Structures are given as C-alpha cells and as structure tokens.
Protein backbone atom coordinates (compact mmCIF):
# COMPACT_ATOMS: atom_id res chain seq x y z
CA CYS A 1 214.27 24.57 -23.57
CA CYS A 2 218.04 24.95 -23.50
CA PHE A 3 220.63 27.27 -24.93
CA ILE A 4 222.62 25.87 -27.83
CA ARG A 5 224.89 28.88 -28.02
CA PRO A 6 224.37 32.59 -27.33
CA GLY A 7 221.07 33.69 -28.93
CA VAL A 8 220.08 30.14 -30.03
CA VAL A 9 217.69 27.84 -28.07
CA ALA A 10 216.15 24.46 -28.61
CA LEU A 11 212.64 23.89 -27.33
CA THR A 12 210.63 20.72 -26.72
CA TRP A 13 207.69 20.74 -29.10
CA THR A 14 204.56 18.85 -30.15
CA ASP A 15 202.07 19.69 -32.89
CA ASP A 16 199.36 17.69 -31.08
CA LYS A 17 197.05 20.33 -29.62
CA SER A 18 195.33 17.67 -27.46
CA ASP A 19 198.62 16.90 -25.68
CA PRO A 20 198.99 18.86 -22.41
CA GLN A 21 202.59 19.58 -23.43
CA TYR A 22 201.37 21.64 -26.42
CA GLU A 23 200.15 24.58 -24.33
CA ILE A 24 203.31 24.51 -22.22
CA SER A 25 205.60 24.46 -25.27
CA LYS A 26 203.49 27.10 -27.09
CA ASP A 27 203.63 29.39 -24.05
CA ALA A 28 207.41 28.95 -23.87
CA PHE A 29 207.73 29.58 -27.62
CA ASP A 30 205.68 32.76 -27.41
CA ARG A 31 207.68 34.02 -24.43
CA LEU A 32 211.02 33.21 -26.05
CA SER A 33 209.90 34.84 -29.33
CA ALA A 34 209.11 38.04 -27.45
CA THR A 35 212.46 38.35 -25.75
CA THR A 36 216.12 38.93 -26.59
CA ASP A 37 219.43 37.67 -25.37
CA ALA A 38 221.81 39.71 -23.21
CA LYS A 39 223.07 41.56 -26.32
CA GLY A 40 219.55 42.52 -27.40
CA ARG A 41 219.32 39.99 -30.23
CA LYS A 42 216.11 38.19 -31.00
CA LEU A 43 216.38 34.54 -30.08
CA GLU A 44 216.66 31.90 -32.77
CA ILE A 45 214.33 29.11 -31.62
CA HIS A 46 214.54 25.51 -32.82
CA ARG A 47 211.57 23.31 -32.03
CA VAL A 48 212.56 19.72 -31.38
CA HIS A 49 209.59 17.35 -31.53
CA GLN A 50 209.12 15.39 -28.34
CA PRO A 51 208.77 11.56 -28.33
CA ASP A 52 205.31 10.13 -28.22
CA PRO A 53 203.93 9.89 -24.63
CA ILE A 54 205.71 7.28 -22.53
CA LEU A 55 203.67 5.79 -19.69
CA ILE A 56 205.01 3.80 -16.77
CA THR A 57 203.94 0.18 -16.65
CA ALA A 58 202.69 -1.70 -13.56
CA GLU A 59 205.92 -3.68 -13.50
CA GLU A 60 208.05 -0.55 -13.68
CA SER A 61 206.00 1.16 -10.99
CA GLY A 62 206.46 -1.80 -8.70
CA GLY A 63 210.24 -1.65 -9.20
CA VAL A 64 210.68 1.98 -8.26
CA ASP A 65 211.99 2.52 -4.70
CA VAL A 66 209.67 4.85 -2.77
CA VAL A 67 211.66 7.57 -1.03
CA GLU A 68 210.00 9.74 1.59
CA GLY A 69 209.19 13.20 0.26
CA THR A 70 209.13 12.18 -3.41
CA LEU A 71 206.15 11.68 -5.73
CA PRO A 72 205.13 8.07 -6.29
CA ARG A 73 205.55 6.50 -9.74
CA GLU A 74 202.16 4.93 -10.42
CA GLU A 75 201.09 2.79 -13.40
CA GLY A 76 199.90 4.95 -16.32
CA MET A 77 201.70 8.09 -15.26
CA ARG A 78 203.40 9.94 -18.13
CA LEU A 79 207.15 10.08 -17.90
CA ALA A 80 208.95 13.34 -18.72
CA ALA A 81 210.58 12.24 -21.98
CA SER A 82 212.34 14.99 -23.91
CA TYR A 83 215.25 15.09 -26.33
CA ILE A 84 216.21 18.53 -24.92
CA ASN A 85 217.47 16.90 -21.74
CA PHE A 86 220.85 16.02 -23.30
CA TYR A 87 224.36 16.34 -21.97
CA ILE A 88 227.03 18.44 -23.68
CA ALA A 89 230.49 16.80 -23.25
CA ASN A 90 233.87 17.28 -24.87
CA GLY A 91 233.23 16.78 -28.59
CA VAL A 92 229.91 14.97 -28.10
CA ILE A 93 226.26 15.36 -27.24
CA VAL A 94 224.74 12.48 -25.25
CA MET A 95 221.04 12.55 -26.03
CA PRO A 96 218.24 10.39 -24.64
CA SER A 97 216.50 7.92 -26.95
CA PHE A 98 213.21 6.13 -26.36
CA ASN A 99 212.75 3.60 -29.13
CA ASP A 100 210.42 6.16 -30.70
CA PRO A 101 209.85 7.28 -34.29
CA HIS A 102 211.04 10.77 -33.29
CA ASP A 103 214.45 9.54 -32.03
CA GLU A 104 216.22 9.64 -35.42
CA PRO A 105 214.87 13.06 -36.55
CA ALA A 106 215.81 14.55 -33.12
CA GLN A 107 219.31 13.10 -33.40
CA LYS A 108 219.73 14.63 -36.88
CA GLN A 109 218.38 17.98 -35.65
CA LEU A 110 220.80 18.05 -32.74
CA ALA A 111 223.67 17.07 -35.05
CA ALA A 112 222.75 20.08 -37.23
CA LEU A 113 222.63 22.35 -34.19
CA PHE A 114 225.99 21.10 -32.92
CA PRO A 115 227.98 20.49 -36.14
CA ASP A 116 231.30 20.20 -34.28
CA ARG A 117 230.10 17.46 -31.96
CA LYS A 118 229.12 13.80 -32.42
CA VAL A 119 225.56 13.10 -31.24
CA ILE A 120 225.27 9.78 -29.35
CA ALA A 121 221.81 8.43 -28.54
CA VAL A 122 221.50 6.48 -25.28
CA PRO A 123 218.37 4.54 -24.18
CA ALA A 124 216.86 6.65 -21.33
CA ARG A 125 213.65 4.98 -20.18
CA GLU A 126 215.27 3.65 -16.99
CA ILE A 127 216.52 7.11 -16.16
CA LEU A 128 213.01 8.55 -16.65
CA LEU A 129 211.62 6.11 -14.08
CA GLY A 130 213.72 7.85 -11.46
CA GLY A 131 212.21 11.24 -12.36
CA GLY A 132 214.89 12.82 -14.48
CA ASN A 133 216.87 12.33 -17.67
CA ILE A 134 220.45 12.50 -18.93
CA HIS A 135 221.03 16.17 -18.19
CA CYS A 136 219.50 15.76 -14.73
CA ILE A 137 221.78 12.97 -13.67
CA THR A 138 225.07 14.42 -14.92
CA GLN A 139 225.02 17.61 -12.76
CA GLN A 140 227.72 19.19 -14.90
CA GLN A 141 229.65 22.22 -13.76
CA PRO A 142 230.98 24.61 -16.42
CA ALA A 143 234.66 25.53 -16.23
CA PRO A 144 235.21 29.19 -15.36
CA GLN A 145 236.27 31.43 -18.24
CA LYS A 146 239.72 32.92 -17.98
CA ALA A 147 239.85 36.67 -17.67
CA GLY A 148 241.27 38.62 -20.52
C-alpha cells in the first residue's frame, strides 16, 4: 500500500481468493482497518485492483543478466505487477501499465485520488523483469519542510 495523503492509503487488491496475493492484501486491509494515523484518525483505505498475473517468458528469462546475490528470473515466475508502485512528481502521477484490462480502471481511480495531478500510464513490463517497478527505480527524496 501507499499513503495518498495523511489518513488516506491505496492498497493493492484482488477479489480472486485463489490468488496468493488475496491473503496478503486481505491481511494488510485488516491491519490497516484496525489502525489510525498519527492524529488518531481511522484510515481511509482505497483498494486498487491489481493486474492479472504476469509471468516471465523463456525469452525474457534468458535476457535477464544474472547478478551474484540476486534471485534468478526463471520462466513462469510471477512478476510483481502492481498499480500502487507509482511515482508522484510535480503535477503528475507516473503509473505502471501492463496492457491489462485493469489498467484503465486503475488510472481512473488514481486520477480520482489525485485530482490535482495528471495520471500518466507508462508500460512497465521491462521494469518488472529487473525486480522492481516505477517507484522502485525512481528513488525519490522528499524535500524537507520549512519550519514555521
């Protein structure tokens, strides 16, 4: 999940109880539902449906450089695709897209959650092959708040 603003979070979600992600997301939802923010407010939780499972192909697996100390990318492995792994920039949200039926609804949902920002979808499969996503590769650093 990620914080949208104080007291508001977005959470990766699936309704498919046979998907291993379901139990993970449900556990996160239950924990978030039972907690409050720093000001004691109950969290507002927005479930953002994940894309359908994306599996690495044999060709993709063969093209990934093996680096000592990292997990191999083998054919058939599920890639960690999520719309929550977006980047917040000045006036925009850069969100991953996967050529998936859930891309457009996720983009609309993020646009509603960030009404003052333009949501731009960027194909992210190649990034997933390296083990991360858009938020992972940006390594943003928030500007410090001015005292006063």
